[in-house]
Amino acid sequence: MIVIALMLIGMRLSQVSSWCSVQQAAMSLCIKMLIVPLTLGFSLSLLGLTGTPLLVIVLQMAMPPAFATLVIAEAYNLDRELTVTTLALGSVAMLLLLPLWLWLFKG
């Protein structure tokens, strides 16, 4: 199933005609992958949670959207272009944000 989902993402990325949904995808990813984990991480550290449990929670909150969102978008005829743009940007953003989360909340 993972291979088929990756093929579907590749097919949809090749069919993207314009990148007009990048701004909308970037805004939602900023909230999901930057603001929420940052707020939650600092809030939990103020409450006394430290070390590996804090890092695990922050990393789980900062994960990019799952590949299953494209399958759901296909099944229910939702905005496929926005979905695949969000998936692609989220995967790239995770490569950039992972060192930040590890540095800020290391155990």
N, C-alpha and C. Protein backbone atom coordinates (compact mmCIF):
# COMPACT_ATOMS: atom_id res chain seq x y z
N MET A 1 0.81 -1.18 0.00
CA MET A 1 0.00 0.00 0.00
C MET A 1 0.87 1.26 0.00
N ILE A 2 1.99 1.21 0.69
CA ILE A 2 2.86 2.38 0.74
C ILE A 2 3.43 2.69 -0.64
N VAL A 3 3.81 1.64 -1.38
CA VAL A 3 4.35 1.84 -2.72
C VAL A 3 3.30 2.48 -3.63
N ILE A 4 2.07 2.01 -3.52
CA ILE A 4 0.99 2.57 -4.35
C ILE A 4 0.73 4.03 -3.97
N ALA A 5 0.76 4.33 -2.67
CA ALA A 5 0.56 5.72 -2.23
C ALA A 5 1.68 6.62 -2.75
N LEU A 6 2.92 6.14 -2.72
CA LEU A 6 4.04 6.93 -3.25
C LEU A 6 3.92 7.12 -4.75
N MET A 7 3.45 6.10 -5.46
CA MET A 7 3.23 6.24 -6.91
C MET A 7 2.13 7.26 -7.18
N LEU A 8 1.09 7.23 -6.37
CA LEU A 8 -0.01 8.18 -6.53
C LEU A 8 0.47 9.61 -6.28
N ILE A 9 1.31 9.78 -5.28
CA ILE A 9 1.87 11.11 -5.02
C ILE A 9 2.71 11.58 -6.21
N GLY A 10 3.53 10.70 -6.74
CA GLY A 10 4.34 11.05 -7.90
C GLY A 10 3.48 11.41 -9.11
N MET A 11 2.43 10.64 -9.33
CA MET A 11 1.54 10.94 -10.45
C MET A 11 0.85 12.27 -10.27
N ARG A 12 0.38 12.54 -9.07
CA ARG A 12 -0.30 13.81 -8.82
C ARG A 12 0.67 15.00 -8.86
N LEU A 13 1.90 14.80 -8.40
CA LEU A 13 2.88 15.88 -8.49
C LEU A 13 3.19 16.22 -9.94
N SER A 14 3.23 15.21 -10.79
CA SER A 14 3.50 15.47 -12.21
C SER A 14 2.32 16.16 -12.89
N GLN A 15 1.13 16.06 -12.32
CA GLN A 15 -0.05 16.68 -12.91
C GLN A 15 -0.34 18.07 -12.36
N VAL A 16 0.45 18.53 -11.41
CA VAL A 16 0.22 19.86 -10.86
C VAL A 16 0.52 20.89 -11.95
N SER A 17 -0.49 21.65 -12.29
CA SER A 17 -0.34 22.60 -13.40
C SER A 17 0.19 23.95 -12.92
N SER A 18 -0.21 24.37 -11.74
CA SER A 18 0.28 25.64 -11.21
C SER A 18 0.50 25.47 -9.71
N TRP A 19 1.37 26.29 -9.21
CA TRP A 19 1.69 26.21 -7.78
C TRP A 19 0.95 27.30 -7.01
N CYS A 20 -0.29 27.55 -7.40
CA CYS A 20 -1.06 28.60 -6.73
C CYS A 20 -1.50 28.20 -5.33
N SER A 21 -1.48 26.90 -5.03
CA SER A 21 -1.91 26.47 -3.71
C SER A 21 -0.74 26.38 -2.72
N VAL A 22 0.44 26.83 -3.13
CA VAL A 22 1.61 26.76 -2.24
C VAL A 22 1.42 27.66 -1.02
N GLN A 23 0.87 28.85 -1.22
CA GLN A 23 0.69 29.77 -0.10
C GLN A 23 -0.27 29.19 0.94
N GLN A 24 -1.37 28.61 0.48
CA GLN A 24 -2.34 28.01 1.39
C GLN A 24 -1.73 26.80 2.11
N ALA A 25 -0.97 25.98 1.38
CA ALA A 25 -0.32 24.82 1.98
C ALA A 25 0.74 25.25 2.98
N ALA A 26 1.50 26.29 2.64
CA ALA A 26 2.56 26.75 3.54
C ALA A 26 1.99 27.30 4.84
N MET A 27 0.86 27.99 4.74
CA MET A 27 0.24 28.54 5.96
C MET A 27 -0.24 27.42 6.88
N SER A 28 -0.89 26.41 6.31
CA SER A 28 -1.37 25.31 7.16
C SER A 28 -0.21 24.51 7.73
N LEU A 29 0.85 24.33 6.95
CA LEU A 29 2.02 23.62 7.46
C LEU A 29 2.75 24.41 8.54
N CYS A 30 2.76 25.72 8.41
CA CYS A 30 3.38 26.56 9.44
C CYS A 30 2.66 26.37 10.78
N ILE A 31 1.36 26.32 10.72
CA ILE A 31 0.59 26.10 11.95
C ILE A 31 0.85 24.69 12.48
N LYS A 32 0.75 23.68 11.60
CA LYS A 32 0.84 22.29 12.03
C LYS A 32 2.25 21.88 12.45
N MET A 33 3.26 22.33 11.71
CA MET A 33 4.60 21.82 11.93
C MET A 33 5.53 22.77 12.67
N LEU A 34 5.08 24.00 12.92
CA LEU A 34 5.95 24.96 13.59
C LEU A 34 5.30 25.55 14.85
N ILE A 35 4.15 26.15 14.71
CA ILE A 35 3.52 26.86 15.83
C ILE A 35 3.02 25.90 16.90
N VAL A 36 2.29 24.86 16.49
CA VAL A 36 1.72 23.92 17.47
C VAL A 36 2.82 23.17 18.23
N PRO A 37 3.83 22.58 17.56
CA PRO A 37 4.89 21.90 18.34
C PRO A 37 5.69 22.85 19.24
N LEU A 38 5.94 24.06 18.75
CA LEU A 38 6.68 25.02 19.56
C LEU A 38 5.90 25.40 20.81
N THR A 39 4.62 25.70 20.64
CA THR A 39 3.77 26.06 21.78
C THR A 39 3.64 24.89 22.75
N LEU A 40 3.37 23.72 22.22
CA LEU A 40 3.20 22.54 23.07
C LEU A 40 4.51 22.19 23.78
N GLY A 41 5.63 22.26 23.06
CA GLY A 41 6.91 21.91 23.66
C GLY A 41 7.28 22.82 24.81
N PHE A 42 7.13 24.13 24.61
CA PHE A 42 7.47 25.05 25.70
C PHE A 42 6.46 24.98 26.85
N SER A 43 5.19 24.74 26.52
CA SER A 43 4.17 24.59 27.58
C SER A 43 4.44 23.37 28.43
N LEU A 44 4.75 22.25 27.79
CA LEU A 44 5.04 21.03 28.55
C LEU A 44 6.33 21.15 29.34
N SER A 45 7.32 21.86 28.81
CA SER A 45 8.55 22.03 29.58
C SER A 45 8.34 22.94 30.79
N LEU A 46 7.43 23.91 30.66
CA LEU A 46 7.08 24.74 31.82
C LEU A 46 6.33 23.94 32.88
N LEU A 47 5.61 22.91 32.44
CA LEU A 47 4.89 22.05 33.37
C LEU A 47 5.78 20.98 34.00
N GLY A 48 7.05 20.94 33.58
CA GLY A 48 8.00 20.04 34.22
C GLY A 48 8.36 18.81 33.40
N LEU A 49 7.80 18.64 32.23
CA LEU A 49 8.15 17.49 31.39
C LEU A 49 9.45 17.80 30.65
N THR A 50 10.42 16.92 30.77
CA THR A 50 11.71 17.15 30.13
C THR A 50 12.21 15.85 29.52
N GLY A 51 13.31 15.95 28.82
CA GLY A 51 13.99 14.77 28.32
C GLY A 51 13.31 14.12 27.14
N THR A 52 13.49 12.81 27.06
CA THR A 52 12.99 12.04 25.94
C THR A 52 11.48 12.09 25.78
N PRO A 53 10.69 12.00 26.86
CA PRO A 53 9.24 12.09 26.67
C PRO A 53 8.80 13.40 26.01
N LEU A 54 9.41 14.50 26.40
CA LEU A 54 9.08 15.79 25.79
C LEU A 54 9.46 15.80 24.31
N LEU A 55 10.63 15.29 23.99
CA LEU A 55 11.09 15.25 22.61
C LEU A 55 10.18 14.37 21.75
N VAL A 56 9.76 13.25 22.28
CA VAL A 56 8.86 12.36 21.53
C VAL A 56 7.54 13.05 21.23
N ILE A 57 6.97 13.72 22.21
CA ILE A 57 5.69 14.42 22.01
C ILE A 57 5.84 15.53 20.98
N VAL A 58 6.92 16.30 21.08
CA VAL A 58 7.13 17.39 20.13
C VAL A 58 7.33 16.85 18.72
N LEU A 59 8.11 15.79 18.58
CA LEU A 59 8.34 15.22 17.25
C LEU A 59 7.06 14.63 16.66
N GLN A 60 6.24 14.04 17.49
CA GLN A 60 4.96 13.52 16.98
C GLN A 60 4.05 14.66 16.54
N MET A 61 4.07 15.76 17.25
CA MET A 61 3.24 16.90 16.86
C MET A 61 3.76 17.57 15.59
N ALA A 62 5.07 17.47 15.33
CA ALA A 62 5.68 18.17 14.20
C ALA A 62 5.74 17.33 12.93
N MET A 63 5.15 16.15 12.93
CA MET A 63 5.20 15.30 11.75
C MET A 63 4.43 15.93 10.58
N PRO A 64 4.93 15.73 9.36
CA PRO A 64 4.20 16.25 8.20
C PRO A 64 2.91 15.46 7.97
N PRO A 65 2.04 15.95 7.10
CA PRO A 65 0.80 15.23 6.83
C PRO A 65 1.09 13.82 6.30
N ALA A 66 0.23 12.90 6.63
CA ALA A 66 0.42 11.51 6.23
C ALA A 66 0.05 11.31 4.76
N PHE A 67 0.66 10.30 4.15
CA PHE A 67 0.38 10.00 2.76
C PHE A 67 -1.07 9.57 2.56
N ALA A 68 -1.70 9.10 3.61
CA ALA A 68 -3.09 8.66 3.51
C ALA A 68 -4.04 9.81 3.19
N THR A 69 -3.61 11.04 3.43
CA THR A 69 -4.48 12.17 3.10
C THR A 69 -4.74 12.26 1.61
N LEU A 70 -3.75 11.88 0.80
CA LEU A 70 -3.97 11.90 -0.65
C LEU A 70 -4.93 10.79 -1.06
N VAL A 71 -4.85 9.65 -0.42
CA VAL A 71 -5.79 8.57 -0.72
C VAL A 71 -7.21 8.99 -0.35
N ILE A 72 -7.36 9.66 0.78
CA ILE A 72 -8.67 10.15 1.19
C ILE A 72 -9.17 11.23 0.23
N ALA A 73 -8.27 12.11 -0.21
CA ALA A 73 -8.65 13.15 -1.17
C ALA A 73 -9.09 12.53 -2.49
N GLU A 74 -8.43 11.47 -2.91
CA GLU A 74 -8.83 10.77 -4.13
C GLU A 74 -10.19 10.10 -3.96
N ALA A 75 -10.38 9.46 -2.83
CA ALA A 75 -11.62 8.71 -2.61
C ALA A 75 -12.85 9.60 -2.53
N TYR A 76 -12.69 10.77 -1.92
CA TYR A 76 -13.83 11.66 -1.72
C TYR A 76 -13.83 12.88 -2.65
N ASN A 77 -12.99 12.83 -3.69
CA ASN A 77 -12.95 13.86 -4.72
C ASN A 77 -12.72 15.26 -4.12
N LEU A 78 -11.71 15.35 -3.25
CA LEU A 78 -11.36 16.63 -2.62
C LEU A 78 -10.28 17.32 -3.45
N ASP A 79 -9.75 18.41 -2.97
CA ASP A 79 -8.75 19.19 -3.69
C ASP A 79 -7.42 18.43 -3.72
N ARG A 80 -7.19 17.72 -4.79
CA ARG A 80 -5.99 16.88 -4.91
C ARG A 80 -4.72 17.72 -5.03
N GLU A 81 -4.81 18.84 -5.73
CA GLU A 81 -3.64 19.68 -5.94
C GLU A 81 -3.14 20.26 -4.62
N LEU A 82 -4.05 20.74 -3.79
CA LEU A 82 -3.67 21.25 -2.48
C LEU A 82 -3.11 20.14 -1.61
N THR A 83 -3.70 18.97 -1.69
CA THR A 83 -3.25 17.84 -0.88
C THR A 83 -1.83 17.43 -1.24
N VAL A 84 -1.56 17.26 -2.52
CA VAL A 84 -0.23 16.81 -2.92
C VAL A 84 0.81 17.92 -2.69
N THR A 85 0.42 19.17 -2.83
CA THR A 85 1.34 20.26 -2.54
C THR A 85 1.69 20.28 -1.06
N THR A 86 0.70 20.09 -0.22
CA THR A 86 0.93 20.06 1.22
C THR A 86 1.82 18.88 1.62
N LEU A 87 1.59 17.73 1.01
CA LEU A 87 2.43 16.56 1.30
C LEU A 87 3.88 16.81 0.90
N ALA A 88 4.09 17.36 -0.27
CA ALA A 88 5.45 17.60 -0.74
C ALA A 88 6.15 18.65 0.12
N LEU A 89 5.48 19.76 0.38
CA LEU A 89 6.09 20.81 1.21
C LEU A 89 6.33 20.32 2.64
N GLY A 90 5.41 19.53 3.16
CA GLY A 90 5.56 19.01 4.52
C GLY A 90 6.76 18.07 4.65
N SER A 91 6.99 17.25 3.63
CA SER A 91 8.14 16.34 3.67
C SER A 91 9.45 17.11 3.61
N VAL A 92 9.50 18.14 2.79
CA VAL A 92 10.71 18.97 2.71
C VAL A 92 10.90 19.77 4.00
N ALA A 93 9.80 20.30 4.53
CA ALA A 93 9.89 21.09 5.76
C ALA A 93 10.38 20.25 6.93
N MET A 94 10.00 18.98 6.95
CA MET A 94 10.44 18.12 8.06
C MET A 94 11.95 17.96 8.06
N LEU A 95 12.55 17.91 6.86
CA LEU A 95 14.00 17.81 6.79
C LEU A 95 14.68 19.04 7.38
N LEU A 96 14.03 20.18 7.26
CA LEU A 96 14.60 21.42 7.79
C LEU A 96 14.27 21.63 9.26
N LEU A 97 13.08 21.19 9.69
CA LEU A 97 12.65 21.43 11.06
C LEU A 97 13.12 20.38 12.06
N LEU A 98 13.43 19.19 11.60
CA LEU A 98 13.86 18.13 12.53
C LEU A 98 15.08 18.53 13.35
N PRO A 99 16.12 19.10 12.74
CA PRO A 99 17.26 19.55 13.58
C PRO A 99 16.87 20.63 14.59
N LEU A 100 15.94 21.49 14.21
CA LEU A 100 15.48 22.53 15.14
C LEU A 100 14.83 21.91 16.37
N TRP A 101 13.92 20.95 16.17
CA TRP A 101 13.25 20.32 17.30
C TRP A 101 14.23 19.54 18.16
N LEU A 102 15.17 18.85 17.53
CA LEU A 102 16.18 18.10 18.30
C LEU A 102 17.07 19.04 19.11
N TRP A 103 17.39 20.19 18.55
CA TRP A 103 18.23 21.14 19.26
C TRP A 103 17.48 21.81 20.41
N LEU A 104 16.23 22.20 20.17
CA LEU A 104 15.46 22.91 21.21
C LEU A 104 15.06 22.02 22.37
N PHE A 105 14.69 20.77 22.06
CA PHE A 105 14.12 19.91 23.10
C PHE A 105 14.93 18.64 23.32
N LYS A 106 16.24 18.70 23.14
CA LYS A 106 17.06 17.51 23.33
C LYS A 106 17.03 17.04 24.78
N GLY A 107 17.18 15.76 24.95
CA GLY A 107 17.07 15.16 26.27
C GLY A 107 18.29 15.30 27.11
